[in-house]
Amino acid sequence: MSVDIVTAEDCASNYGNFEIKGSKGDTYTVSFAGSEGPAHCSCQGFKFRGDCKHISEVYKGACLYNPQWKDANPDPAYRPVSYNYSQFSDNKCECGDKKVYVRRAY
């Protein structure tokens, strides 16, 4: 089996920090470290369980386009307030956000 390493482009939202309101009005930060990386949330539930409803909510409402999945959300409810990656390309994602260069094995 042969594996090729290629440079691809993901939506920068895959490396974004999102602010989301909790059920009691608190604001939490959900952070992504890439389309295959782990997500983190600043809420107490995440600290105890390692997952939370805020992450699920951002997964449902953000763009998070990946060229392997081809599932961009063209009108995302959540957009990043900042990014955890700085290798931006000159291209735009289908949702209008920036794209970033990533290395992928195919």
N, C-alpha and C. Protein backbone atom coordinates (compact mmCIF):
# COMPACT_ATOMS: atom_id res chain seq x y z
N MET A 1 0.85 -1.18 0.00
CA MET A 1 0.00 0.00 0.00
C MET A 1 0.89 1.23 0.00
N SER A 2 0.56 2.15 -0.85
CA SER A 2 1.32 3.39 -1.00
C SER A 2 0.59 4.54 -0.32
N VAL A 3 1.35 5.41 0.32
CA VAL A 3 0.77 6.58 0.99
C VAL A 3 1.40 7.82 0.40
N ASP A 4 0.58 8.76 0.00
CA ASP A 4 1.06 10.04 -0.51
C ASP A 4 0.79 11.12 0.53
N ILE A 5 1.77 11.97 0.77
CA ILE A 5 1.60 13.13 1.64
C ILE A 5 1.41 14.34 0.75
N VAL A 6 0.30 15.01 0.91
CA VAL A 6 -0.03 16.16 0.07
C VAL A 6 -0.35 17.37 0.95
N THR A 7 -0.19 18.54 0.36
CA THR A 7 -0.61 19.77 1.03
C THR A 7 -2.05 20.04 0.60
N ALA A 8 -2.91 20.19 1.56
CA ALA A 8 -4.33 20.47 1.31
C ALA A 8 -4.71 21.75 2.06
N GLU A 9 -5.95 22.14 1.92
CA GLU A 9 -6.44 23.31 2.63
C GLU A 9 -7.71 22.96 3.38
N ASP A 10 -7.73 23.30 4.65
CA ASP A 10 -8.91 23.17 5.51
C ASP A 10 -9.45 24.56 5.79
N CYS A 11 -10.70 24.62 6.17
CA CYS A 11 -11.26 25.87 6.67
C CYS A 11 -10.53 26.22 7.97
N ALA A 12 -10.18 27.47 8.14
CA ALA A 12 -9.49 27.90 9.35
C ALA A 12 -10.34 27.68 10.61
N SER A 13 -11.64 27.51 10.45
CA SER A 13 -12.49 27.26 11.62
C SER A 13 -12.11 25.97 12.33
N ASN A 14 -11.46 25.02 11.62
CA ASN A 14 -10.98 23.80 12.25
C ASN A 14 -9.90 24.07 13.29
N TYR A 15 -9.33 25.25 13.25
CA TYR A 15 -8.27 25.66 14.19
C TYR A 15 -8.74 26.89 14.97
N GLY A 16 -10.04 27.04 15.11
CA GLY A 16 -10.61 28.24 15.70
C GLY A 16 -10.96 28.12 17.17
N ASN A 17 -11.12 29.30 17.76
CA ASN A 17 -11.65 29.45 19.12
C ASN A 17 -13.01 30.11 18.98
N PHE A 18 -14.02 29.48 19.54
CA PHE A 18 -15.38 29.96 19.44
C PHE A 18 -15.91 30.32 20.82
N GLU A 19 -16.66 31.40 20.90
CA GLU A 19 -17.33 31.76 22.15
C GLU A 19 -18.77 31.30 22.06
N ILE A 20 -19.23 30.64 23.12
CA ILE A 20 -20.60 30.12 23.13
C ILE A 20 -21.20 30.36 24.51
N LYS A 21 -22.45 30.76 24.52
CA LYS A 21 -23.16 31.00 25.77
C LYS A 21 -23.68 29.69 26.35
N GLY A 22 -23.47 29.51 27.64
CA GLY A 22 -23.99 28.35 28.34
C GLY A 22 -25.45 28.56 28.72
N SER A 23 -26.07 27.55 29.26
CA SER A 23 -27.49 27.60 29.61
C SER A 23 -27.79 28.60 30.73
N LYS A 24 -26.77 28.95 31.53
CA LYS A 24 -26.96 29.91 32.62
C LYS A 24 -26.40 31.29 32.29
N GLY A 25 -26.06 31.50 31.02
CA GLY A 25 -25.59 32.80 30.57
C GLY A 25 -24.08 33.00 30.60
N ASP A 26 -23.35 32.02 31.12
CA ASP A 26 -21.89 32.13 31.12
C ASP A 26 -21.37 31.94 29.69
N THR A 27 -20.26 32.59 29.38
CA THR A 27 -19.63 32.43 28.07
C THR A 27 -18.44 31.49 28.21
N TYR A 28 -18.38 30.49 27.33
CA TYR A 28 -17.29 29.52 27.33
C TYR A 28 -16.55 29.59 26.00
N THR A 29 -15.31 29.16 26.02
CA THR A 29 -14.50 29.12 24.81
C THR A 29 -14.30 27.66 24.40
N VAL A 30 -14.72 27.36 23.18
CA VAL A 30 -14.49 26.05 22.58
C VAL A 30 -13.35 26.22 21.59
N SER A 31 -12.31 25.40 21.73
CA SER A 31 -11.11 25.50 20.88
C SER A 31 -10.90 24.21 20.11
N PHE A 32 -10.57 24.36 18.82
CA PHE A 32 -10.25 23.22 17.97
C PHE A 32 -8.79 23.28 17.57
N ALA A 33 -8.17 22.10 17.47
CA ALA A 33 -6.75 21.99 17.11
C ALA A 33 -6.59 21.27 15.78
N GLY A 34 -7.52 21.44 14.88
CA GLY A 34 -7.46 20.79 13.58
C GLY A 34 -8.62 19.85 13.38
N SER A 35 -8.86 19.50 12.13
CA SER A 35 -10.02 18.66 11.82
C SER A 35 -9.90 17.25 12.39
N GLU A 36 -8.69 16.80 12.68
CA GLU A 36 -8.52 15.49 13.30
C GLU A 36 -8.10 15.60 14.76
N GLY A 37 -7.92 16.81 15.24
CA GLY A 37 -7.42 17.01 16.59
C GLY A 37 -8.52 17.08 17.63
N PRO A 38 -8.14 17.13 18.88
CA PRO A 38 -9.13 17.19 19.96
C PRO A 38 -9.73 18.59 20.10
N ALA A 39 -10.93 18.63 20.60
CA ALA A 39 -11.57 19.90 20.93
C ALA A 39 -11.53 20.07 22.44
N HIS A 40 -11.50 21.32 22.89
CA HIS A 40 -11.49 21.63 24.32
C HIS A 40 -12.51 22.73 24.61
N CYS A 41 -13.03 22.72 25.83
CA CYS A 41 -13.96 23.75 26.27
C CYS A 41 -13.53 24.24 27.65
N SER A 42 -13.80 25.51 27.91
CA SER A 42 -13.42 26.10 29.19
C SER A 42 -14.41 25.83 30.31
N CYS A 43 -15.49 25.08 30.03
CA CYS A 43 -16.50 24.82 31.06
C CYS A 43 -16.05 23.75 32.05
N GLN A 44 -16.70 23.72 33.21
CA GLN A 44 -16.40 22.72 34.24
C GLN A 44 -16.74 21.30 33.79
N GLY A 45 -17.81 21.15 33.03
CA GLY A 45 -18.20 19.83 32.56
C GLY A 45 -17.10 19.17 31.74
N PHE A 46 -16.45 19.96 30.89
CA PHE A 46 -15.36 19.41 30.08
C PHE A 46 -14.19 18.99 30.97
N LYS A 47 -13.90 19.79 32.00
CA LYS A 47 -12.79 19.46 32.89
C LYS A 47 -13.02 18.14 33.61
N PHE A 48 -14.27 17.82 33.92
CA PHE A 48 -14.58 16.59 34.64
C PHE A 48 -14.83 15.39 33.73
N ARG A 49 -15.49 15.61 32.58
CA ARG A 49 -15.89 14.51 31.71
C ARG A 49 -15.06 14.38 30.44
N GLY A 50 -14.40 15.45 30.03
CA GLY A 50 -13.63 15.43 28.79
C GLY A 50 -14.47 15.68 27.55
N ASP A 51 -15.73 16.02 27.74
CA ASP A 51 -16.63 16.36 26.64
C ASP A 51 -17.74 17.23 27.21
N CYS A 52 -18.45 17.95 26.35
CA CYS A 52 -19.55 18.78 26.85
C CYS A 52 -20.49 19.16 25.71
N LYS A 53 -21.62 19.71 26.09
CA LYS A 53 -22.63 20.11 25.10
C LYS A 53 -22.20 21.32 24.29
N HIS A 54 -21.28 22.12 24.81
CA HIS A 54 -20.82 23.31 24.08
C HIS A 54 -20.02 22.89 22.84
N ILE A 55 -19.17 21.88 23.00
CA ILE A 55 -18.42 21.36 21.85
C ILE A 55 -19.38 20.80 20.81
N SER A 56 -20.35 20.02 21.25
CA SER A 56 -21.34 19.46 20.33
C SER A 56 -22.09 20.55 19.58
N GLU A 57 -22.43 21.61 20.29
CA GLU A 57 -23.15 22.73 19.67
C GLU A 57 -22.31 23.41 18.60
N VAL A 58 -21.03 23.63 18.87
CA VAL A 58 -20.15 24.26 17.87
C VAL A 58 -19.95 23.31 16.69
N TYR A 59 -19.77 22.01 16.95
CA TYR A 59 -19.65 21.04 15.85
C TYR A 59 -20.85 21.13 14.92
N LYS A 60 -22.04 21.27 15.47
CA LYS A 60 -23.26 21.36 14.66
C LYS A 60 -23.39 22.67 13.91
N GLY A 61 -22.88 23.78 14.51
CA GLY A 61 -23.16 25.09 13.94
C GLY A 61 -22.01 25.82 13.28
N ALA A 62 -20.80 25.26 13.30
CA ALA A 62 -19.65 25.91 12.66
C ALA A 62 -19.43 25.31 11.28
N CYS A 63 -18.59 25.92 10.49
CA CYS A 63 -18.31 25.42 9.14
C CYS A 63 -17.48 24.15 9.19
N LEU A 64 -16.26 24.21 9.71
CA LEU A 64 -15.37 23.07 9.90
C LEU A 64 -15.15 22.26 8.62
N TYR A 65 -15.06 22.93 7.48
CA TYR A 65 -14.86 22.26 6.20
C TYR A 65 -13.53 21.51 6.17
N ASN A 66 -13.57 20.30 5.65
CA ASN A 66 -12.40 19.47 5.44
C ASN A 66 -12.52 18.89 4.03
N PRO A 67 -11.46 18.98 3.20
CA PRO A 67 -11.59 18.52 1.81
C PRO A 67 -11.88 17.03 1.68
N GLN A 68 -11.55 16.23 2.68
CA GLN A 68 -11.88 14.80 2.62
C GLN A 68 -13.37 14.57 2.83
N TRP A 69 -14.01 15.40 3.66
CA TRP A 69 -15.42 15.23 3.97
C TRP A 69 -16.32 16.02 3.03
N LYS A 70 -15.81 17.14 2.52
CA LYS A 70 -16.57 18.03 1.62
C LYS A 70 -17.93 18.40 2.21
N ASP A 71 -17.91 18.87 3.46
CA ASP A 71 -19.17 19.16 4.14
C ASP A 71 -19.21 20.55 4.76
N ALA A 72 -18.80 21.54 4.01
CA ALA A 72 -18.82 22.91 4.53
C ALA A 72 -20.24 23.34 4.86
N ASN A 73 -20.36 24.11 5.91
CA ASN A 73 -21.62 24.75 6.27
C ASN A 73 -21.53 26.18 5.72
N PRO A 74 -22.19 26.49 4.60
CA PRO A 74 -22.01 27.79 3.97
C PRO A 74 -22.53 28.98 4.79
N ASP A 75 -23.37 28.72 5.77
CA ASP A 75 -23.92 29.79 6.61
C ASP A 75 -23.83 29.39 8.08
N PRO A 76 -22.60 29.33 8.63
CA PRO A 76 -22.44 28.83 10.00
C PRO A 76 -23.02 29.75 11.06
N ALA A 77 -23.58 29.15 12.10
CA ALA A 77 -24.10 29.90 13.24
C ALA A 77 -22.97 30.39 14.14
N TYR A 78 -21.84 29.68 14.10
CA TYR A 78 -20.69 30.04 14.93
C TYR A 78 -19.47 30.29 14.05
N ARG A 79 -18.79 31.39 14.32
CA ARG A 79 -17.56 31.73 13.61
C ARG A 79 -16.46 31.94 14.64
N PRO A 80 -15.22 31.59 14.28
CA PRO A 80 -14.12 31.75 15.23
C PRO A 80 -13.89 33.21 15.62
N VAL A 81 -13.51 33.42 16.87
CA VAL A 81 -13.11 34.75 17.33
C VAL A 81 -11.60 34.92 17.22
N SER A 82 -10.87 33.78 17.13
CA SER A 82 -9.43 33.77 16.93
C SER A 82 -9.04 32.37 16.44
N TYR A 83 -7.75 32.21 16.12
CA TYR A 83 -7.28 30.94 15.55
C TYR A 83 -6.07 30.41 16.31
N ASN A 84 -5.88 29.07 16.26
CA ASN A 84 -4.75 28.40 16.89
C ASN A 84 -3.73 27.95 15.85
N TYR A 85 -3.71 28.60 14.71
CA TYR A 85 -2.86 28.21 13.59
C TYR A 85 -2.66 29.44 12.73
N SER A 86 -1.52 29.57 12.09
CA SER A 86 -1.28 30.81 11.33
C SER A 86 -0.80 30.58 9.90
N GLN A 87 -0.89 29.37 9.39
CA GLN A 87 -0.45 29.07 8.02
C GLN A 87 -1.61 29.31 7.05
N PHE A 88 -2.07 30.56 6.96
CA PHE A 88 -3.23 30.88 6.13
C PHE A 88 -2.87 30.90 4.64
N SER A 89 -3.76 30.40 3.82
CA SER A 89 -3.59 30.50 2.37
C SER A 89 -4.30 31.77 1.90
N ASP A 90 -4.23 32.04 0.61
CA ASP A 90 -4.93 33.21 0.06
C ASP A 90 -6.36 32.87 -0.34
N ASN A 91 -6.76 31.62 -0.17
CA ASN A 91 -8.08 31.16 -0.59
C ASN A 91 -9.10 31.27 0.54
N LYS A 92 -10.35 31.33 0.15
CA LYS A 92 -11.45 31.39 1.11
C LYS A 92 -12.21 30.07 1.10
N CYS A 93 -12.73 29.72 2.25
CA CYS A 93 -13.57 28.54 2.39
C CYS A 93 -14.96 28.83 1.81
N GLU A 94 -15.74 27.80 1.62
CA GLU A 94 -17.11 27.95 1.13
C GLU A 94 -17.97 28.79 2.05
N CYS A 95 -17.59 28.86 3.35
CA CYS A 95 -18.35 29.66 4.30
C CYS A 95 -17.87 31.12 4.33
N GLY A 96 -16.79 31.42 3.59
CA GLY A 96 -16.26 32.78 3.55
C GLY A 96 -15.10 33.01 4.50
N ASP A 97 -14.78 32.03 5.34
CA ASP A 97 -13.66 32.14 6.27
C ASP A 97 -12.35 31.90 5.53
N LYS A 98 -11.25 32.14 6.20
CA LYS A 98 -9.93 31.86 5.64
C LYS A 98 -9.74 30.35 5.52
N LYS A 99 -8.76 29.96 4.70
CA LYS A 99 -8.32 28.56 4.64
C LYS A 99 -6.89 28.49 5.16
N VAL A 100 -6.51 27.33 5.68
CA VAL A 100 -5.15 27.10 6.17
C VAL A 100 -4.55 25.91 5.44
N TYR A 101 -3.23 25.93 5.29
CA TYR A 101 -2.52 24.80 4.68
C TYR A 101 -2.34 23.70 5.72
N VAL A 102 -2.60 22.47 5.30
CA VAL A 102 -2.40 21.30 6.17
C VAL A 102 -1.74 20.20 5.34
N ARG A 103 -1.05 19.28 5.99
CA ARG A 103 -0.46 18.13 5.34
C ARG A 103 -1.35 16.92 5.60
N ARG A 104 -1.64 16.17 4.56
CA ARG A 104 -2.52 15.01 4.68
C ARG A 104 -1.89 13.79 4.02
N ALA A 105 -2.13 12.64 4.60
CA ALA A 105 -1.71 11.38 4.01
C ALA A 105 -2.92 10.76 3.30
N TYR A 106 -2.74 10.41 2.05
CA TYR A 106 -3.80 9.77 1.25
C TYR A 106 -3.33 8.40 0.81
